[in-house]
N, C-alpha and C. Protein backbone atom coordinates (compact mmCIF):
# COMPACT_ATOMS: atom_id res chain seq x y z
N MET A 1 -9.30 -11.05 -20.42
CA MET A 1 -8.82 -11.78 -19.26
C MET A 1 -7.46 -11.20 -18.85
N PRO A 2 -7.24 -10.89 -17.57
CA PRO A 2 -5.96 -10.35 -17.13
C PRO A 2 -4.83 -11.35 -17.31
N ASP A 3 -3.67 -10.84 -17.60
CA ASP A 3 -2.49 -11.68 -17.74
C ASP A 3 -1.89 -11.93 -16.37
N THR A 4 -1.88 -13.19 -15.95
CA THR A 4 -1.28 -13.54 -14.66
C THR A 4 -0.25 -14.65 -14.86
N GLY A 5 0.41 -14.64 -16.03
CA GLY A 5 1.45 -15.62 -16.33
C GLY A 5 2.67 -15.42 -15.46
N SER A 6 3.70 -16.20 -15.71
CA SER A 6 4.88 -16.20 -14.85
C SER A 6 5.60 -14.85 -14.83
N ASP A 7 5.54 -14.09 -15.92
CA ASP A 7 6.21 -12.79 -15.95
C ASP A 7 5.30 -11.64 -15.54
N SER A 8 4.03 -11.93 -15.27
CA SER A 8 3.06 -10.88 -14.97
C SER A 8 3.17 -10.42 -13.52
N PRO A 9 2.99 -9.12 -13.27
CA PRO A 9 2.99 -8.62 -11.89
C PRO A 9 1.69 -8.98 -11.18
N GLY A 10 0.70 -9.44 -11.92
CA GLY A 10 -0.61 -9.77 -11.34
C GLY A 10 -1.69 -9.06 -12.13
N ILE A 11 -2.83 -8.87 -11.50
CA ILE A 11 -3.95 -8.20 -12.16
C ILE A 11 -3.70 -6.70 -12.14
N LEU A 12 -3.66 -6.09 -13.31
CA LEU A 12 -3.40 -4.66 -13.42
C LEU A 12 -4.71 -3.90 -13.62
N LEU A 13 -4.88 -2.83 -12.88
CA LEU A 13 -5.98 -1.90 -13.11
C LEU A 13 -5.42 -0.78 -13.97
N THR A 14 -6.10 -0.50 -15.08
CA THR A 14 -5.52 0.43 -16.04
C THR A 14 -6.41 1.63 -16.37
N HIS A 15 -7.48 1.82 -15.62
CA HIS A 15 -8.39 2.94 -15.88
C HIS A 15 -8.57 3.75 -14.60
N PRO A 16 -7.62 4.65 -14.29
CA PRO A 16 -7.66 5.36 -13.02
C PRO A 16 -8.93 6.18 -12.79
N ARG A 17 -9.41 6.85 -13.81
CA ARG A 17 -10.61 7.67 -13.62
C ARG A 17 -11.82 6.80 -13.30
N ARG A 18 -11.95 5.68 -13.97
CA ARG A 18 -13.06 4.75 -13.67
C ARG A 18 -12.91 4.19 -12.26
N TYR A 19 -11.69 3.88 -11.87
CA TYR A 19 -11.43 3.36 -10.53
C TYR A 19 -11.83 4.39 -9.47
N GLU A 20 -11.43 5.64 -9.68
CA GLU A 20 -11.79 6.71 -8.74
C GLU A 20 -13.30 6.90 -8.69
N LEU A 21 -13.96 6.89 -9.84
CA LEU A 21 -15.41 7.06 -9.89
C LEU A 21 -16.11 5.91 -9.17
N ALA A 22 -15.68 4.69 -9.45
CA ALA A 22 -16.30 3.53 -8.79
C ALA A 22 -16.12 3.61 -7.27
N GLY A 23 -14.92 3.98 -6.82
CA GLY A 23 -14.67 4.11 -5.39
C GLY A 23 -15.52 5.20 -4.76
N SER A 24 -15.68 6.29 -5.47
CA SER A 24 -16.49 7.40 -4.95
C SER A 24 -17.97 7.03 -4.90
N LEU A 25 -18.44 6.29 -5.89
CA LEU A 25 -19.85 5.89 -5.90
C LEU A 25 -20.13 4.79 -4.87
N ALA A 26 -19.19 3.87 -4.72
CA ALA A 26 -19.39 2.76 -3.78
C ALA A 26 -19.31 3.24 -2.33
N LEU A 27 -18.42 4.16 -2.05
CA LEU A 27 -18.21 4.68 -0.69
C LEU A 27 -18.21 6.20 -0.72
N PRO A 28 -19.34 6.82 -1.04
CA PRO A 28 -19.34 8.25 -1.33
C PRO A 28 -18.73 9.14 -0.26
N TRP A 29 -19.00 8.96 0.98
CA TRP A 29 -18.43 9.84 2.01
C TRP A 29 -17.46 9.12 2.91
N LEU A 30 -17.39 7.79 2.79
CA LEU A 30 -16.50 7.02 3.66
C LEU A 30 -15.08 6.92 3.14
N ARG A 31 -14.89 7.01 1.86
CA ARG A 31 -13.59 6.69 1.25
C ARG A 31 -12.45 7.52 1.85
N ARG A 32 -12.59 8.83 1.86
CA ARG A 32 -11.53 9.69 2.38
C ARG A 32 -11.30 9.42 3.87
N ARG A 33 -12.37 9.24 4.63
CA ARG A 33 -12.24 8.95 6.06
C ARG A 33 -11.58 7.59 6.29
N MET A 34 -11.91 6.61 5.45
CA MET A 34 -11.32 5.29 5.59
C MET A 34 -9.80 5.36 5.41
N PHE A 35 -9.35 6.06 4.37
CA PHE A 35 -7.91 6.15 4.13
C PHE A 35 -7.22 6.98 5.22
N ALA A 36 -7.88 8.00 5.73
CA ALA A 36 -7.31 8.78 6.84
C ALA A 36 -7.14 7.89 8.08
N ARG A 37 -8.10 7.05 8.35
CA ARG A 37 -7.99 6.15 9.51
C ARG A 37 -6.91 5.10 9.30
N LEU A 38 -6.78 4.61 8.08
CA LEU A 38 -5.70 3.66 7.80
C LEU A 38 -4.34 4.34 7.98
N ALA A 39 -4.23 5.58 7.57
CA ALA A 39 -2.98 6.33 7.76
C ALA A 39 -2.67 6.46 9.25
N GLU A 40 -3.68 6.71 10.06
CA GLU A 40 -3.48 6.79 11.51
C GLU A 40 -2.98 5.45 12.07
N ARG A 41 -3.52 4.36 11.57
CA ARG A 41 -3.14 3.02 12.02
C ARG A 41 -1.73 2.63 11.60
N ALA A 42 -1.19 3.30 10.59
CA ALA A 42 0.12 2.93 10.03
C ALA A 42 1.27 3.20 10.99
N GLY A 43 1.04 3.97 12.04
CA GLY A 43 2.09 4.25 13.01
C GLY A 43 3.17 5.17 12.48
N VAL A 44 2.80 6.11 11.62
CA VAL A 44 3.77 7.04 11.04
C VAL A 44 3.61 8.41 11.66
N GLY A 45 4.66 9.22 11.52
CA GLY A 45 4.62 10.58 12.03
C GLY A 45 5.49 11.50 11.21
N PRO A 46 5.53 12.77 11.58
CA PRO A 46 6.33 13.75 10.84
C PRO A 46 7.77 13.28 10.64
N GLY A 47 8.24 13.45 9.41
CA GLY A 47 9.61 13.10 9.08
C GLY A 47 9.81 11.67 8.60
N ASP A 48 8.80 10.82 8.71
CA ASP A 48 8.95 9.42 8.29
C ASP A 48 8.99 9.28 6.78
N ARG A 49 9.70 8.26 6.35
CA ARG A 49 9.77 7.89 4.93
C ARG A 49 8.95 6.62 4.78
N VAL A 50 7.93 6.65 3.90
CA VAL A 50 6.95 5.56 3.79
C VAL A 50 6.86 5.07 2.35
N LEU A 51 6.65 3.78 2.20
CA LEU A 51 6.41 3.16 0.90
C LEU A 51 4.98 2.66 0.86
N ASP A 52 4.24 3.03 -0.20
CA ASP A 52 2.88 2.53 -0.43
C ASP A 52 2.96 1.55 -1.59
N VAL A 53 2.75 0.27 -1.29
CA VAL A 53 2.86 -0.81 -2.27
C VAL A 53 1.50 -1.02 -2.94
N GLY A 54 1.48 -0.93 -4.26
CA GLY A 54 0.22 -1.07 -4.99
C GLY A 54 -0.64 0.17 -4.80
N CYS A 55 -0.04 1.32 -4.98
CA CYS A 55 -0.67 2.60 -4.63
C CYS A 55 -1.87 2.97 -5.49
N GLY A 56 -2.01 2.37 -6.67
CA GLY A 56 -3.13 2.73 -7.53
C GLY A 56 -3.14 4.22 -7.82
N THR A 57 -4.27 4.87 -7.58
CA THR A 57 -4.41 6.31 -7.86
C THR A 57 -3.86 7.17 -6.74
N GLY A 58 -3.37 6.56 -5.67
CA GLY A 58 -2.69 7.30 -4.61
C GLY A 58 -3.56 7.74 -3.45
N ALA A 59 -4.72 7.14 -3.25
CA ALA A 59 -5.61 7.56 -2.16
C ALA A 59 -4.95 7.37 -0.79
N LEU A 60 -4.40 6.19 -0.52
CA LEU A 60 -3.72 5.98 0.76
C LEU A 60 -2.41 6.77 0.81
N THR A 61 -1.73 6.87 -0.31
CA THR A 61 -0.49 7.65 -0.37
C THR A 61 -0.73 9.08 0.11
N ARG A 62 -1.80 9.70 -0.39
CA ARG A 62 -2.12 11.08 0.00
C ARG A 62 -2.42 11.18 1.49
N ALA A 63 -3.17 10.23 2.02
CA ALA A 63 -3.51 10.26 3.46
C ALA A 63 -2.25 10.10 4.31
N VAL A 64 -1.36 9.21 3.91
CA VAL A 64 -0.12 9.00 4.66
C VAL A 64 0.80 10.21 4.51
N ALA A 65 0.83 10.82 3.32
CA ALA A 65 1.67 12.00 3.10
C ALA A 65 1.29 13.11 4.07
N ALA A 66 0.00 13.27 4.33
CA ALA A 66 -0.43 14.29 5.29
C ALA A 66 0.06 13.94 6.70
N ALA A 67 0.08 12.66 7.03
CA ALA A 67 0.50 12.22 8.38
C ALA A 67 2.00 12.36 8.61
N VAL A 68 2.81 12.32 7.55
CA VAL A 68 4.26 12.40 7.73
C VAL A 68 4.82 13.81 7.53
N ALA A 69 3.95 14.75 7.19
CA ALA A 69 4.38 16.14 7.06
C ALA A 69 4.48 16.77 8.44
N PRO A 70 5.39 17.66 8.66
CA PRO A 70 6.42 18.13 7.73
C PRO A 70 7.64 17.21 7.75
N GLY A 71 8.36 17.28 6.68
CA GLY A 71 9.65 16.61 6.60
C GLY A 71 9.64 15.18 6.12
N GLY A 72 8.47 14.55 6.05
CA GLY A 72 8.40 13.16 5.61
C GLY A 72 8.07 13.07 4.13
N SER A 73 8.10 11.85 3.62
CA SER A 73 7.77 11.63 2.22
C SER A 73 7.19 10.24 2.04
N VAL A 74 6.43 10.09 0.97
CA VAL A 74 5.82 8.80 0.65
C VAL A 74 6.12 8.49 -0.81
N LEU A 75 6.57 7.28 -1.05
CA LEU A 75 6.77 6.78 -2.41
C LEU A 75 5.69 5.74 -2.66
N GLY A 76 4.89 5.97 -3.68
CA GLY A 76 3.88 4.99 -4.09
C GLY A 76 4.38 4.23 -5.29
N ILE A 77 4.29 2.90 -5.24
CA ILE A 77 4.66 2.09 -6.40
C ILE A 77 3.46 1.28 -6.85
N ASP A 78 3.37 1.06 -8.15
CA ASP A 78 2.29 0.29 -8.74
C ASP A 78 2.77 -0.23 -10.09
N PRO A 79 2.35 -1.43 -10.49
CA PRO A 79 2.81 -1.95 -11.78
C PRO A 79 2.04 -1.39 -12.99
N SER A 80 1.01 -0.59 -12.76
CA SER A 80 0.18 -0.08 -13.85
C SER A 80 0.61 1.33 -14.25
N PRO A 81 1.17 1.50 -15.45
CA PRO A 81 1.58 2.84 -15.88
C PRO A 81 0.47 3.89 -15.83
N PRO A 82 -0.76 3.59 -16.27
CA PRO A 82 -1.79 4.63 -16.19
C PRO A 82 -2.10 5.05 -14.75
N MET A 83 -2.08 4.12 -13.81
CA MET A 83 -2.35 4.47 -12.41
C MET A 83 -1.23 5.36 -11.86
N VAL A 84 0.02 5.01 -12.15
CA VAL A 84 1.15 5.81 -11.67
C VAL A 84 1.11 7.21 -12.28
N GLN A 85 0.84 7.30 -13.57
CA GLN A 85 0.77 8.61 -14.22
C GLN A 85 -0.33 9.47 -13.62
N TYR A 86 -1.49 8.88 -13.37
CA TYR A 86 -2.61 9.61 -12.77
C TYR A 86 -2.24 10.11 -11.37
N ALA A 87 -1.70 9.22 -10.55
CA ALA A 87 -1.32 9.59 -9.18
C ALA A 87 -0.24 10.67 -9.19
N ARG A 88 0.72 10.54 -10.08
CA ARG A 88 1.82 11.52 -10.17
C ARG A 88 1.29 12.90 -10.55
N ARG A 89 0.43 12.95 -11.56
CA ARG A 89 -0.15 14.25 -11.99
C ARG A 89 -0.96 14.89 -10.86
N ARG A 90 -1.72 14.09 -10.18
CA ARG A 90 -2.55 14.61 -9.09
C ARG A 90 -1.69 15.16 -7.95
N ALA A 91 -0.64 14.44 -7.60
CA ALA A 91 0.26 14.89 -6.52
C ALA A 91 0.99 16.17 -6.93
N GLU A 92 1.41 16.26 -8.18
CA GLU A 92 2.11 17.46 -8.66
C GLU A 92 1.19 18.68 -8.61
N ARG A 93 -0.06 18.50 -9.02
CA ARG A 93 -1.02 19.62 -8.98
C ARG A 93 -1.27 20.11 -7.56
N ARG A 94 -1.24 19.19 -6.61
CA ARG A 94 -1.54 19.54 -5.22
C ARG A 94 -0.30 19.89 -4.41
N GLY A 95 0.88 19.70 -5.00
CA GLY A 95 2.11 20.01 -4.29
C GLY A 95 2.35 19.11 -3.08
N GLU A 96 1.99 17.85 -3.21
CA GLU A 96 2.11 16.91 -2.09
C GLU A 96 3.53 16.37 -1.94
N ASN A 97 3.84 15.91 -0.74
CA ASN A 97 5.14 15.32 -0.42
C ASN A 97 5.15 13.83 -0.75
N SER A 98 4.77 13.53 -1.98
CA SER A 98 4.73 12.14 -2.42
C SER A 98 5.26 12.05 -3.84
N SER A 99 5.77 10.86 -4.16
CA SER A 99 6.23 10.58 -5.52
C SER A 99 5.74 9.19 -5.89
N PHE A 100 5.77 8.90 -7.18
CA PHE A 100 5.21 7.65 -7.67
C PHE A 100 6.14 7.05 -8.71
N ALA A 101 6.20 5.72 -8.71
CA ALA A 101 7.06 5.01 -9.66
C ALA A 101 6.45 3.66 -9.99
N LEU A 102 6.84 3.15 -11.14
CA LEU A 102 6.42 1.79 -11.50
C LEU A 102 7.15 0.80 -10.62
N GLY A 103 6.46 -0.21 -10.16
CA GLY A 103 7.10 -1.24 -9.35
C GLY A 103 6.09 -2.27 -8.88
N THR A 104 6.60 -3.41 -8.49
CA THR A 104 5.74 -4.49 -8.00
C THR A 104 6.08 -4.83 -6.56
N ALA A 105 5.12 -5.41 -5.89
CA ALA A 105 5.29 -5.82 -4.50
C ALA A 105 6.37 -6.89 -4.36
N GLN A 106 6.49 -7.74 -5.36
CA GLN A 106 7.43 -8.86 -5.26
C GLN A 106 8.84 -8.52 -5.70
N GLU A 107 9.06 -7.31 -6.23
CA GLU A 107 10.41 -6.86 -6.63
C GLU A 107 10.53 -5.37 -6.36
N ILE A 108 10.63 -5.00 -5.10
CA ILE A 108 10.69 -3.59 -4.73
C ILE A 108 12.09 -3.05 -4.99
N ASP A 109 12.14 -1.99 -5.78
CA ASP A 109 13.41 -1.38 -6.17
C ASP A 109 13.82 -0.35 -5.11
N ALA A 110 14.31 -0.86 -3.98
CA ALA A 110 14.77 0.01 -2.88
C ALA A 110 15.75 -0.80 -2.05
N GLY A 111 16.64 -0.10 -1.39
CA GLY A 111 17.63 -0.76 -0.56
C GLY A 111 17.05 -1.31 0.73
N ASP A 112 17.79 -2.20 1.34
CA ASP A 112 17.39 -2.77 2.62
C ASP A 112 17.24 -1.65 3.65
N GLY A 113 16.16 -1.71 4.43
CA GLY A 113 15.95 -0.74 5.51
C GLY A 113 15.71 0.68 5.05
N SER A 114 15.20 0.88 3.85
CA SER A 114 15.01 2.22 3.29
C SER A 114 13.83 3.00 3.86
N PHE A 115 12.87 2.32 4.48
CA PHE A 115 11.63 2.98 4.87
C PHE A 115 11.32 2.78 6.35
N ASP A 116 10.64 3.78 6.92
CA ASP A 116 10.16 3.70 8.30
C ASP A 116 8.85 2.92 8.38
N ALA A 117 8.11 2.91 7.29
CA ALA A 117 6.84 2.18 7.24
C ALA A 117 6.55 1.75 5.82
N VAL A 118 5.82 0.64 5.71
CA VAL A 118 5.30 0.17 4.43
C VAL A 118 3.81 -0.01 4.61
N VAL A 119 3.03 0.56 3.68
CA VAL A 119 1.58 0.43 3.71
C VAL A 119 1.10 -0.13 2.38
N SER A 120 -0.07 -0.71 2.40
CA SER A 120 -0.68 -1.22 1.17
C SER A 120 -2.18 -1.34 1.42
N SER A 121 -2.97 -0.90 0.44
CA SER A 121 -4.42 -1.02 0.61
C SER A 121 -5.06 -1.62 -0.63
N PHE A 122 -5.80 -2.69 -0.43
CA PHE A 122 -6.57 -3.35 -1.48
C PHE A 122 -5.72 -3.68 -2.70
N ALA A 123 -4.46 -4.08 -2.47
CA ALA A 123 -3.55 -4.34 -3.58
C ALA A 123 -2.96 -5.74 -3.55
N VAL A 124 -2.66 -6.27 -2.39
CA VAL A 124 -1.94 -7.55 -2.33
C VAL A 124 -2.74 -8.67 -2.99
N HIS A 125 -4.06 -8.59 -2.96
CA HIS A 125 -4.84 -9.65 -3.62
C HIS A 125 -4.68 -9.64 -5.13
N HIS A 126 -4.13 -8.58 -5.69
CA HIS A 126 -3.84 -8.53 -7.13
C HIS A 126 -2.51 -9.21 -7.47
N VAL A 127 -1.66 -9.43 -6.48
CA VAL A 127 -0.40 -10.14 -6.68
C VAL A 127 -0.72 -11.62 -6.84
N PRO A 128 -0.16 -12.30 -7.85
CA PRO A 128 -0.43 -13.73 -7.98
C PRO A 128 -0.13 -14.46 -6.67
N ALA A 129 -1.00 -15.38 -6.29
CA ALA A 129 -0.89 -16.09 -5.01
C ALA A 129 0.50 -16.70 -4.82
N ARG A 130 1.10 -17.23 -5.86
CA ARG A 130 2.40 -17.87 -5.75
C ARG A 130 3.52 -16.87 -5.45
N LEU A 131 3.25 -15.56 -5.62
CA LEU A 131 4.27 -14.53 -5.39
C LEU A 131 4.03 -13.71 -4.12
N ARG A 132 2.95 -13.99 -3.40
CA ARG A 132 2.63 -13.18 -2.21
C ARG A 132 3.64 -13.36 -1.09
N GLU A 133 4.16 -14.56 -0.91
CA GLU A 133 5.18 -14.78 0.11
C GLU A 133 6.40 -13.91 -0.18
N ARG A 134 6.79 -13.88 -1.43
CA ARG A 134 7.91 -13.04 -1.85
C ARG A 134 7.60 -11.56 -1.64
N ALA A 135 6.36 -11.15 -1.90
CA ALA A 135 5.96 -9.75 -1.70
C ALA A 135 6.11 -9.34 -0.24
N PHE A 136 5.66 -10.18 0.69
CA PHE A 136 5.81 -9.84 2.10
C PHE A 136 7.28 -9.86 2.53
N ALA A 137 8.06 -10.76 1.95
CA ALA A 137 9.50 -10.77 2.25
C ALA A 137 10.16 -9.48 1.76
N GLU A 138 9.73 -8.97 0.63
CA GLU A 138 10.26 -7.70 0.11
C GLU A 138 9.87 -6.53 1.01
N MET A 139 8.63 -6.52 1.47
CA MET A 139 8.18 -5.46 2.37
C MET A 139 9.01 -5.47 3.65
N PHE A 140 9.29 -6.66 4.15
CA PHE A 140 10.13 -6.81 5.35
C PHE A 140 11.54 -6.27 5.07
N ARG A 141 12.10 -6.63 3.92
CA ARG A 141 13.47 -6.24 3.57
C ARG A 141 13.65 -4.74 3.51
N VAL A 142 12.68 -4.02 2.93
CA VAL A 142 12.86 -2.58 2.74
C VAL A 142 12.53 -1.77 3.99
N LEU A 143 12.00 -2.41 5.01
CA LEU A 143 11.72 -1.71 6.28
C LEU A 143 12.96 -1.66 7.15
N ARG A 144 13.15 -0.56 7.86
CA ARG A 144 14.22 -0.47 8.85
C ARG A 144 13.79 -1.28 10.07
N PRO A 145 14.71 -1.76 10.90
CA PRO A 145 14.33 -2.41 12.15
C PRO A 145 13.45 -1.45 12.98
N GLY A 146 12.36 -1.97 13.48
CA GLY A 146 11.40 -1.16 14.22
C GLY A 146 10.36 -0.51 13.32
N GLY A 147 10.49 -0.70 12.01
CA GLY A 147 9.54 -0.12 11.06
C GLY A 147 8.20 -0.83 11.09
N HIS A 148 7.17 -0.12 10.67
CA HIS A 148 5.79 -0.61 10.73
C HIS A 148 5.27 -1.05 9.37
N LEU A 149 4.47 -2.10 9.39
CA LEU A 149 3.76 -2.59 8.21
C LEU A 149 2.27 -2.44 8.47
N LEU A 150 1.52 -1.98 7.47
CA LEU A 150 0.06 -1.96 7.53
C LEU A 150 -0.46 -2.39 6.17
N VAL A 151 -1.22 -3.47 6.15
CA VAL A 151 -1.84 -3.96 4.92
C VAL A 151 -3.34 -4.00 5.16
N ALA A 152 -4.08 -3.30 4.30
CA ALA A 152 -5.54 -3.30 4.37
C ALA A 152 -6.09 -4.02 3.15
N ASP A 153 -7.17 -4.75 3.36
CA ASP A 153 -7.78 -5.47 2.26
C ASP A 153 -9.17 -5.91 2.70
N PHE A 154 -9.88 -6.55 1.81
CA PHE A 154 -11.16 -7.14 2.17
C PHE A 154 -10.89 -8.31 3.11
N ARG A 155 -11.81 -8.61 4.00
CA ARG A 155 -11.58 -9.61 5.04
C ARG A 155 -11.16 -10.96 4.48
N GLY A 156 -11.83 -11.44 3.45
CA GLY A 156 -11.50 -12.75 2.89
C GLY A 156 -10.07 -12.83 2.40
N HIS A 157 -9.58 -11.76 1.80
CA HIS A 157 -8.20 -11.73 1.35
C HIS A 157 -7.24 -11.64 2.52
N LEU A 158 -7.57 -10.78 3.49
CA LEU A 158 -6.68 -10.56 4.62
C LEU A 158 -6.46 -11.85 5.41
N ASP A 159 -7.50 -12.67 5.52
CA ASP A 159 -7.35 -13.96 6.22
C ASP A 159 -6.26 -14.82 5.56
N GLY A 160 -6.12 -14.70 4.25
CA GLY A 160 -5.10 -15.45 3.54
C GLY A 160 -3.68 -14.97 3.80
N TYR A 161 -3.52 -13.76 4.33
CA TYR A 161 -2.20 -13.21 4.61
C TYR A 161 -1.74 -13.54 6.03
N ARG A 162 -2.61 -14.11 6.82
CA ARG A 162 -2.33 -14.34 8.24
C ARG A 162 -1.01 -15.08 8.47
N ALA A 163 -0.71 -16.08 7.69
CA ALA A 163 0.55 -16.82 7.86
C ALA A 163 1.72 -16.15 7.15
N LEU A 164 1.45 -15.36 6.12
CA LEU A 164 2.53 -14.75 5.35
C LEU A 164 3.26 -13.65 6.12
N VAL A 165 2.53 -12.92 6.95
CA VAL A 165 3.14 -11.81 7.69
C VAL A 165 4.18 -12.32 8.69
N PRO A 166 3.82 -13.24 9.61
CA PRO A 166 4.87 -13.74 10.51
C PRO A 166 5.91 -14.58 9.76
N GLY A 167 5.49 -15.23 8.68
CA GLY A 167 6.42 -16.02 7.88
C GLY A 167 7.53 -15.18 7.28
N ALA A 168 7.24 -13.91 7.01
CA ALA A 168 8.25 -12.99 6.48
C ALA A 168 9.18 -12.46 7.56
N GLY A 169 8.81 -12.68 8.84
CA GLY A 169 9.66 -12.24 9.94
C GLY A 169 9.06 -11.16 10.82
N PHE A 170 7.86 -10.68 10.49
CA PHE A 170 7.23 -9.62 11.26
C PHE A 170 6.76 -10.13 12.62
N THR A 171 6.74 -9.24 13.61
CA THR A 171 6.25 -9.54 14.95
C THR A 171 5.25 -8.46 15.36
N GLY A 172 4.71 -8.57 16.58
CA GLY A 172 3.78 -7.56 17.09
C GLY A 172 2.55 -7.42 16.21
N ILE A 173 2.04 -8.52 15.74
CA ILE A 173 0.95 -8.50 14.76
C ILE A 173 -0.38 -8.18 15.44
N THR A 174 -1.08 -7.21 14.86
CA THR A 174 -2.42 -6.85 15.32
C THR A 174 -3.34 -6.81 14.10
N ARG A 175 -4.64 -6.94 14.37
CA ARG A 175 -5.64 -6.92 13.30
C ARG A 175 -6.82 -6.08 13.72
N GLY A 176 -7.54 -5.59 12.75
CA GLY A 176 -8.75 -4.83 13.04
C GLY A 176 -9.45 -4.45 11.75
N ARG A 177 -10.40 -3.54 11.88
CA ARG A 177 -11.09 -3.08 10.69
C ARG A 177 -11.42 -1.60 10.81
N VAL A 178 -11.55 -0.99 9.66
CA VAL A 178 -11.98 0.40 9.54
C VAL A 178 -13.21 0.36 8.65
N PHE A 179 -14.34 0.59 9.20
CA PHE A 179 -15.61 0.48 8.49
C PHE A 179 -15.80 -0.97 8.05
N PRO A 180 -16.94 -1.32 7.52
CA PRO A 180 -17.21 -2.73 7.23
C PRO A 180 -16.28 -3.37 6.20
N LEU A 181 -15.81 -2.61 5.22
CA LEU A 181 -15.04 -3.22 4.13
C LEU A 181 -13.55 -3.35 4.37
N ALA A 182 -12.97 -2.43 5.06
CA ALA A 182 -11.51 -2.38 5.17
C ALA A 182 -11.03 -3.06 6.45
N HIS A 183 -10.46 -4.21 6.29
CA HIS A 183 -9.82 -4.91 7.40
C HIS A 183 -8.32 -4.71 7.25
N TRP A 184 -7.60 -4.69 8.36
CA TRP A 184 -6.16 -4.43 8.30
C TRP A 184 -5.40 -5.39 9.19
N ILE A 185 -4.15 -5.55 8.84
CA ILE A 185 -3.20 -6.29 9.65
C ILE A 185 -1.97 -5.38 9.76
N ALA A 186 -1.48 -5.22 10.97
CA ALA A 186 -0.30 -4.38 11.22
C ALA A 186 0.75 -5.22 11.91
N ALA A 187 2.00 -4.87 11.70
CA ALA A 187 3.10 -5.61 12.30
C ALA A 187 4.34 -4.72 12.33
N VAL A 188 5.38 -5.23 12.98
CA VAL A 188 6.63 -4.50 13.13
C VAL A 188 7.78 -5.39 12.67
N ARG A 189 8.77 -4.78 12.03
CA ARG A 189 10.01 -5.51 11.72
C ARG A 189 10.91 -5.42 12.95
N PRO A 190 11.23 -6.57 13.56
CA PRO A 190 12.09 -6.53 14.76
C PRO A 190 13.50 -6.03 14.44
């Protein structure tokens, strides 16, 4: 049973290779295209500095890194050491403009206004429900004014974030989907 006690970051995924295999088998040809489309929706461009919250093995991180090149960078954070190590090794082998660190959505180790965009895919539902409001407040805090937020998740989970996004202070909220499974909500920090 996953540890979701008061000190827990939430449900941790700790088997990156199994996660990648499951994703590849479940969405054999859609997965890469889905993350590329989410990167397009993130509103990022060359030179932007982006944070990927709950990056896992770095699939969205890699797609966003391609969108912010040249000159941009992406930092992926995740509370699972095996996922961060896997993503870091993969990025180093490929020479990508991304880096990875341990971190949680509800306690982002970055200064106010540090990023041009914050993205997250299929991760916020792993944050304990009682800490999700804090997670969105942290995402708001680390964005520069005018910065973009994009959170993708399964529809049922995304519906639960509907009040949390404006509650954190975001405006210009839009919603949509990329393929049947990936629904997204986007917003701007005023």
